[in-house]
Amino acid sequence: MSNVARWARELARDHLESPLPRRWAHTQGVAQQARSLVLILGDQADLLEAAAWLHDIGYAPDLAITGFHPLDGARYLRDVQRAEEHLCRLVAHHSCALIEARERGVADLLVDEFGATPPDLIEALIYCDMTTSPDGDYLPVEQRLAEILSRYGDGHPVTRSITRSSPNLIDAVHRVSAELGERFCSA
């Protein structure tokens, strides 16, 4: 594990393990998925692993300002931790966050602070997040999306945004899976 990934793991642990143990379990599973992509990411694997550890840090009660965890987490990383821009943008844009930001009325803030275009590695982070259950176990993307919809229920902003972003999320997971399969077969 690289220094940046180790730093990210400890930061996430400090903010999530005690107050949100299930979110911490999910985060550990997402980081495990990130480590599984080293074959296709090479020297970018460390950045992805750090983003995996930190993608949900904005849920931490001590960091939640707007109530929109991608924005709260990315702001904390940028403003308090002085994390590199690419890492902050990965957290801000993870799992089609701009769609949910529109639902919540904070899209302008997200775009103004972290850009409108998701950064490189976003599909790999989507793969990691959307194939990990709330308890940190592997879950096919379609089952993960069904679990999210079931958990939040009708009318919730998360339900509306996941419904809209599902085709993009599924496509991203399938593209990363295909690339991983191709690399594994040729290795």
Foldseek 3Di string as FASTA:
>chain_A
DDPLLVVLLVLLCVQDCPPPVLQNLQLVLLLVLLVLLCLPPPPCSSLLSSLSSQLQSQVRPVQPDLVLSLVSSLCCCCPPVVDDLLSSLLSNCAPNSLLLCVVSVNNVVSCVVNNDDRDPCNLVSLLSNQQAASNSDGHQNVVSLVVQCVVVDPPDSSNVSCVVCVVVSNVSNVVSVVSSVVSVVVD
